[in-house]
């Protein structure tokens, strides 16, 4: 616990838990088959993420176009994120890490 004092002498106590301050990033990604990507993260964890259920349920044309394998397989890792077509399609890192989108 840390204690801080402000100018008006008010005491503020903050509980905190020490954690590793490393920011989780995507280190590598490989399309294996039919909309499944193997993603390796900066902490050494690897996940298989199946994007097909998400893509096939979407009715939005800007997402639905990624059911075309040519669009889907054209991703890049930018700033530690899995990124399609200059941020046209991107997912929260924690969703990818948990293997559920």
N, C-alpha and C. Protein backbone atom coordinates (compact mmCIF):
# COMPACT_ATOMS: atom_id res chain seq x y z
N UNK A 1 0.85 -1.17 0.00
CA UNK A 1 0.00 0.00 0.00
C UNK A 1 0.90 1.23 0.00
N UNK A 2 0.55 2.19 -0.79
CA UNK A 2 1.26 3.46 -0.82
C UNK A 2 0.38 4.53 -0.23
N UNK A 3 1.01 5.49 0.42
CA UNK A 3 0.27 6.61 1.00
C UNK A 3 0.76 7.89 0.37
N UNK A 4 -0.16 8.72 -0.04
CA UNK A 4 0.16 10.00 -0.65
C UNK A 4 -0.45 11.11 0.20
N UNK A 5 0.22 12.25 0.23
CA UNK A 5 -0.30 13.41 0.93
C UNK A 5 -0.46 14.54 -0.07
N UNK A 6 -1.62 15.11 -0.10
CA UNK A 6 -1.87 16.27 -0.96
C UNK A 6 -1.59 17.54 -0.18
N UNK A 7 -1.63 18.66 -0.88
CA UNK A 7 -1.34 19.95 -0.26
C UNK A 7 -2.22 20.24 0.95
N UNK A 8 -3.46 19.82 0.92
CA UNK A 8 -4.37 20.11 2.02
C UNK A 8 -4.26 19.06 3.14
N UNK A 9 -3.19 18.26 3.10
CA UNK A 9 -2.88 17.25 4.12
C UNK A 9 -3.85 16.07 4.13
N UNK A 10 -4.63 15.93 3.07
CA UNK A 10 -5.53 14.79 2.98
C UNK A 10 -4.69 13.55 2.70
N UNK A 11 -4.96 12.49 3.38
CA UNK A 11 -4.23 11.25 3.21
C UNK A 11 -5.00 10.36 2.23
N UNK A 12 -4.31 9.89 1.19
CA UNK A 12 -4.92 9.01 0.21
C UNK A 12 -4.11 7.73 0.19
N UNK A 13 -4.76 6.62 0.45
CA UNK A 13 -4.09 5.32 0.41
C UNK A 13 -4.53 4.59 -0.84
N UNK A 14 -3.58 4.02 -1.53
CA UNK A 14 -3.86 3.31 -2.77
C UNK A 14 -3.37 1.89 -2.63
N UNK A 15 -4.27 0.93 -2.77
CA UNK A 15 -3.86 -0.47 -2.80
C UNK A 15 -3.44 -0.80 -4.22
N UNK A 16 -2.35 -1.54 -4.34
CA UNK A 16 -1.93 -1.95 -5.66
C UNK A 16 -1.27 -3.31 -5.58
N UNK A 17 -1.29 -3.99 -6.68
CA UNK A 17 -0.66 -5.29 -6.78
C UNK A 17 0.44 -5.14 -7.84
N UNK A 18 1.63 -5.54 -7.49
CA UNK A 18 2.72 -5.44 -8.46
C UNK A 18 2.47 -6.44 -9.57
N UNK A 19 2.62 -5.97 -10.79
CA UNK A 19 2.45 -6.82 -11.95
C UNK A 19 3.59 -6.58 -12.90
N UNK A 20 3.72 -7.47 -13.83
CA UNK A 20 4.70 -7.28 -14.88
C UNK A 20 4.16 -6.18 -15.81
N UNK A 21 4.90 -5.14 -15.99
CA UNK A 21 4.42 -4.00 -16.77
C UNK A 21 4.60 -4.19 -18.27
N UNK A 22 4.94 -5.40 -18.68
CA UNK A 22 5.11 -5.66 -20.09
C UNK A 22 3.78 -5.55 -20.82
N UNK A 23 3.78 -4.88 -21.93
CA UNK A 23 2.58 -4.74 -22.75
C UNK A 23 2.49 -5.95 -23.66
N UNK A 24 1.35 -6.60 -23.66
CA UNK A 24 1.14 -7.79 -24.47
C UNK A 24 1.03 -7.39 -25.93
N UNK A 25 1.77 -8.09 -26.78
CA UNK A 25 1.77 -7.81 -28.22
C UNK A 25 1.73 -9.11 -28.99
N UNK A 26 1.31 -9.00 -30.23
CA UNK A 26 1.39 -10.13 -31.15
C UNK A 26 2.80 -10.13 -31.74
N UNK A 27 3.50 -11.24 -31.57
CA UNK A 27 4.84 -11.36 -32.13
C UNK A 27 4.82 -11.95 -33.54
N UNK A 28 3.95 -12.95 -33.74
CA UNK A 28 3.85 -13.57 -35.05
C UNK A 28 2.46 -14.15 -35.24
N UNK A 29 2.10 -14.34 -36.49
CA UNK A 29 0.79 -14.91 -36.82
C UNK A 29 0.91 -15.67 -38.13
N UNK A 30 0.29 -16.84 -38.15
CA UNK A 30 0.34 -17.68 -39.34
C UNK A 30 -1.04 -18.25 -39.61
N UNK A 31 -1.52 -18.03 -40.82
CA UNK A 31 -2.81 -18.59 -41.21
C UNK A 31 -2.62 -20.07 -41.48
N UNK A 32 -3.33 -20.91 -40.73
CA UNK A 32 -3.17 -22.35 -40.84
C UNK A 32 -4.15 -22.96 -41.84
N UNK A 33 -5.42 -22.66 -41.64
CA UNK A 33 -6.44 -23.21 -42.53
C UNK A 33 -7.75 -22.47 -42.29
N UNK A 34 -8.60 -22.54 -43.26
CA UNK A 34 -9.98 -22.06 -43.18
C UNK A 34 -10.28 -21.07 -42.04
N UNK A 35 -9.64 -19.90 -42.09
CA UNK A 35 -9.89 -18.79 -41.16
C UNK A 35 -9.38 -19.03 -39.74
N UNK A 36 -8.43 -19.93 -39.59
CA UNK A 36 -7.78 -20.18 -38.30
C UNK A 36 -6.36 -19.62 -38.38
N UNK A 37 -6.03 -18.79 -37.39
CA UNK A 37 -4.69 -18.19 -37.34
C UNK A 37 -4.02 -18.61 -36.03
N UNK A 38 -2.78 -19.05 -36.15
CA UNK A 38 -1.97 -19.34 -34.97
C UNK A 38 -1.24 -18.04 -34.62
N UNK A 39 -1.50 -17.55 -33.41
CA UNK A 39 -0.95 -16.28 -32.97
C UNK A 39 0.00 -16.53 -31.81
N UNK A 40 1.22 -15.99 -31.92
CA UNK A 40 2.18 -16.06 -30.82
C UNK A 40 2.32 -14.67 -30.22
N UNK A 41 2.26 -14.63 -28.89
CA UNK A 41 2.28 -13.36 -28.16
C UNK A 41 3.63 -13.13 -27.50
N UNK A 42 3.85 -11.90 -27.10
CA UNK A 42 5.14 -11.49 -26.53
C UNK A 42 5.48 -12.19 -25.22
N UNK A 43 4.50 -12.77 -24.55
CA UNK A 43 4.78 -13.50 -23.31
C UNK A 43 5.06 -14.97 -23.56
N UNK A 44 5.14 -15.38 -24.84
CA UNK A 44 5.43 -16.75 -25.19
C UNK A 44 4.21 -17.62 -25.42
N UNK A 45 3.03 -17.12 -25.11
CA UNK A 45 1.78 -17.86 -25.30
C UNK A 45 1.44 -17.95 -26.78
N UNK A 46 0.92 -19.09 -27.20
CA UNK A 46 0.43 -19.27 -28.57
C UNK A 46 -1.03 -19.70 -28.50
N UNK A 47 -1.82 -19.17 -29.40
CA UNK A 47 -3.25 -19.50 -29.45
C UNK A 47 -3.66 -19.77 -30.90
N UNK A 48 -4.61 -20.68 -31.06
CA UNK A 48 -5.27 -20.86 -32.34
C UNK A 48 -6.60 -20.12 -32.24
N UNK A 49 -6.81 -19.18 -33.14
CA UNK A 49 -8.03 -18.38 -33.12
C UNK A 49 -8.81 -18.65 -34.41
N UNK A 50 -10.05 -19.10 -34.24
CA UNK A 50 -10.93 -19.37 -35.37
C UNK A 50 -11.81 -18.14 -35.61
N UNK A 51 -11.58 -17.46 -36.71
CA UNK A 51 -12.31 -16.25 -37.04
C UNK A 51 -13.59 -16.53 -37.82
N UNK A 52 -13.77 -17.75 -38.30
CA UNK A 52 -14.90 -18.07 -39.16
C UNK A 52 -16.26 -17.79 -38.53
N UNK A 53 -16.51 -18.21 -37.27
CA UNK A 53 -17.83 -17.91 -36.70
C UNK A 53 -18.14 -16.41 -36.66
N UNK A 54 -17.16 -15.61 -36.28
CA UNK A 54 -17.36 -14.16 -36.24
C UNK A 54 -17.65 -13.60 -37.63
N UNK A 55 -16.83 -13.98 -38.60
CA UNK A 55 -16.99 -13.45 -39.95
C UNK A 55 -18.28 -13.91 -40.61
N UNK A 56 -18.64 -15.16 -40.41
CA UNK A 56 -19.85 -15.67 -41.07
C UNK A 56 -21.14 -15.12 -40.45
N UNK A 57 -21.10 -14.73 -39.19
CA UNK A 57 -22.29 -14.16 -38.54
C UNK A 57 -22.49 -12.68 -38.85
N UNK A 58 -21.43 -12.02 -39.26
CA UNK A 58 -21.53 -10.58 -39.50
C UNK A 58 -22.35 -10.28 -40.74
N UNK A 59 -23.15 -9.22 -40.63
CA UNK A 59 -23.91 -8.78 -41.80
C UNK A 59 -23.35 -7.47 -42.38
N UNK A 60 -22.39 -6.90 -41.68
CA UNK A 60 -21.80 -5.64 -42.14
C UNK A 60 -20.85 -5.91 -43.31
N UNK A 61 -21.05 -5.20 -44.43
CA UNK A 61 -20.24 -5.47 -45.62
C UNK A 61 -18.73 -5.28 -45.42
N UNK A 62 -18.33 -4.34 -44.57
CA UNK A 62 -16.89 -4.12 -44.39
C UNK A 62 -16.25 -5.26 -43.60
N UNK A 63 -17.03 -6.04 -42.88
CA UNK A 63 -16.51 -7.22 -42.19
C UNK A 63 -16.75 -8.47 -43.04
N UNK A 64 -17.91 -8.54 -43.64
CA UNK A 64 -18.29 -9.71 -44.44
C UNK A 64 -17.30 -9.97 -45.58
N UNK A 65 -16.67 -8.93 -46.09
CA UNK A 65 -15.73 -9.12 -47.21
C UNK A 65 -14.54 -9.99 -46.82
N UNK A 66 -14.27 -10.12 -45.52
CA UNK A 66 -13.14 -10.93 -45.07
C UNK A 66 -13.47 -12.43 -45.06
N UNK A 67 -14.69 -12.80 -45.45
CA UNK A 67 -14.97 -14.22 -45.67
C UNK A 67 -14.32 -14.70 -46.96
N UNK A 68 -13.87 -13.76 -47.77
CA UNK A 68 -13.05 -14.07 -48.95
C UNK A 68 -11.63 -14.32 -48.45
N UNK A 69 -11.12 -15.51 -48.69
CA UNK A 69 -9.80 -15.90 -48.16
C UNK A 69 -8.68 -14.97 -48.64
N UNK A 70 -8.83 -14.40 -49.81
CA UNK A 70 -7.80 -13.47 -50.30
C UNK A 70 -7.70 -12.23 -49.41
N UNK A 71 -8.84 -11.72 -48.96
CA UNK A 71 -8.84 -10.59 -48.03
C UNK A 71 -8.35 -11.04 -46.65
N UNK A 72 -8.87 -12.17 -46.19
CA UNK A 72 -8.57 -12.62 -44.84
C UNK A 72 -7.09 -12.90 -44.63
N UNK A 73 -6.46 -13.53 -45.58
CA UNK A 73 -5.06 -13.92 -45.40
C UNK A 73 -4.09 -12.75 -45.59
N UNK A 74 -4.60 -11.60 -45.95
CA UNK A 74 -3.76 -10.43 -46.20
C UNK A 74 -3.70 -9.54 -44.95
N UNK A 75 -3.19 -10.08 -43.85
CA UNK A 75 -3.06 -9.31 -42.62
C UNK A 75 -1.59 -9.01 -42.36
N UNK A 76 -1.37 -8.04 -41.49
CA UNK A 76 -0.02 -7.65 -41.08
C UNK A 76 -0.02 -7.46 -39.57
N UNK A 77 1.15 -7.56 -38.99
CA UNK A 77 1.31 -7.21 -37.58
C UNK A 77 1.86 -5.79 -37.55
N UNK A 78 1.06 -4.88 -36.99
CA UNK A 78 1.44 -3.47 -36.91
C UNK A 78 1.33 -3.04 -35.45
N UNK A 79 2.43 -2.55 -34.91
CA UNK A 79 2.47 -2.11 -33.51
C UNK A 79 1.95 -3.16 -32.54
N UNK A 80 2.27 -4.43 -32.81
CA UNK A 80 1.88 -5.51 -31.90
C UNK A 80 0.44 -5.96 -32.02
N UNK A 81 -0.26 -5.51 -33.05
CA UNK A 81 -1.66 -5.89 -33.28
C UNK A 81 -1.80 -6.61 -34.61
N UNK A 82 -2.75 -7.51 -34.67
CA UNK A 82 -3.10 -8.16 -35.93
C UNK A 82 -4.02 -7.21 -36.67
N UNK A 83 -3.63 -6.84 -37.88
CA UNK A 83 -4.26 -5.72 -38.57
C UNK A 83 -4.53 -6.09 -40.02
N UNK A 84 -5.74 -5.81 -40.48
CA UNK A 84 -6.11 -6.02 -41.87
C UNK A 84 -6.37 -4.68 -42.53
N UNK A 85 -5.74 -4.47 -43.68
CA UNK A 85 -6.02 -3.33 -44.56
C UNK A 85 -6.04 -1.98 -43.84
N UNK A 86 -4.93 -1.67 -43.19
CA UNK A 86 -4.76 -0.37 -42.53
C UNK A 86 -5.90 -0.06 -41.54
N UNK A 87 -6.10 -0.96 -40.59
CA UNK A 87 -7.07 -0.84 -39.50
C UNK A 87 -8.53 -0.98 -39.95
N UNK A 88 -8.74 -1.55 -41.12
CA UNK A 88 -10.10 -1.82 -41.57
C UNK A 88 -10.74 -2.90 -40.69
N UNK A 89 -9.91 -3.86 -40.27
CA UNK A 89 -10.37 -4.92 -39.36
C UNK A 89 -9.27 -5.15 -38.34
N UNK A 90 -9.61 -5.06 -37.06
CA UNK A 90 -8.67 -5.24 -35.97
C UNK A 90 -9.45 -5.72 -34.75
N UNK A 91 -8.80 -6.50 -33.91
CA UNK A 91 -9.47 -7.08 -32.75
C UNK A 91 -8.72 -6.70 -31.48
N UNK A 92 -9.43 -6.58 -30.36
CA UNK A 92 -8.75 -6.31 -29.09
C UNK A 92 -7.75 -7.43 -28.78
N UNK A 93 -6.58 -7.05 -28.35
CA UNK A 93 -5.51 -8.02 -28.09
C UNK A 93 -5.93 -9.07 -27.07
N UNK A 94 -6.71 -8.67 -26.07
CA UNK A 94 -7.14 -9.64 -25.04
C UNK A 94 -8.11 -10.66 -25.59
N UNK A 95 -8.93 -10.28 -26.55
CA UNK A 95 -9.82 -11.25 -27.19
C UNK A 95 -9.00 -12.29 -27.95
N UNK A 96 -7.99 -11.82 -28.68
CA UNK A 96 -7.12 -12.75 -29.39
C UNK A 96 -6.37 -13.64 -28.42
N UNK A 97 -5.87 -13.04 -27.35
CA UNK A 97 -5.12 -13.79 -26.35
C UNK A 97 -5.98 -14.88 -25.69
N UNK A 98 -7.24 -14.57 -25.47
CA UNK A 98 -8.16 -15.54 -24.88
C UNK A 98 -8.69 -16.53 -25.92
N UNK A 99 -8.40 -16.27 -27.19
CA UNK A 99 -8.84 -17.18 -28.25
C UNK A 99 -10.30 -17.08 -28.59
N UNK A 100 -10.94 -15.98 -28.19
CA UNK A 100 -12.38 -15.82 -28.43
C UNK A 100 -12.65 -14.43 -29.00
N UNK A 101 -13.26 -14.42 -30.15
CA UNK A 101 -13.64 -13.12 -30.72
C UNK A 101 -15.12 -13.11 -31.01
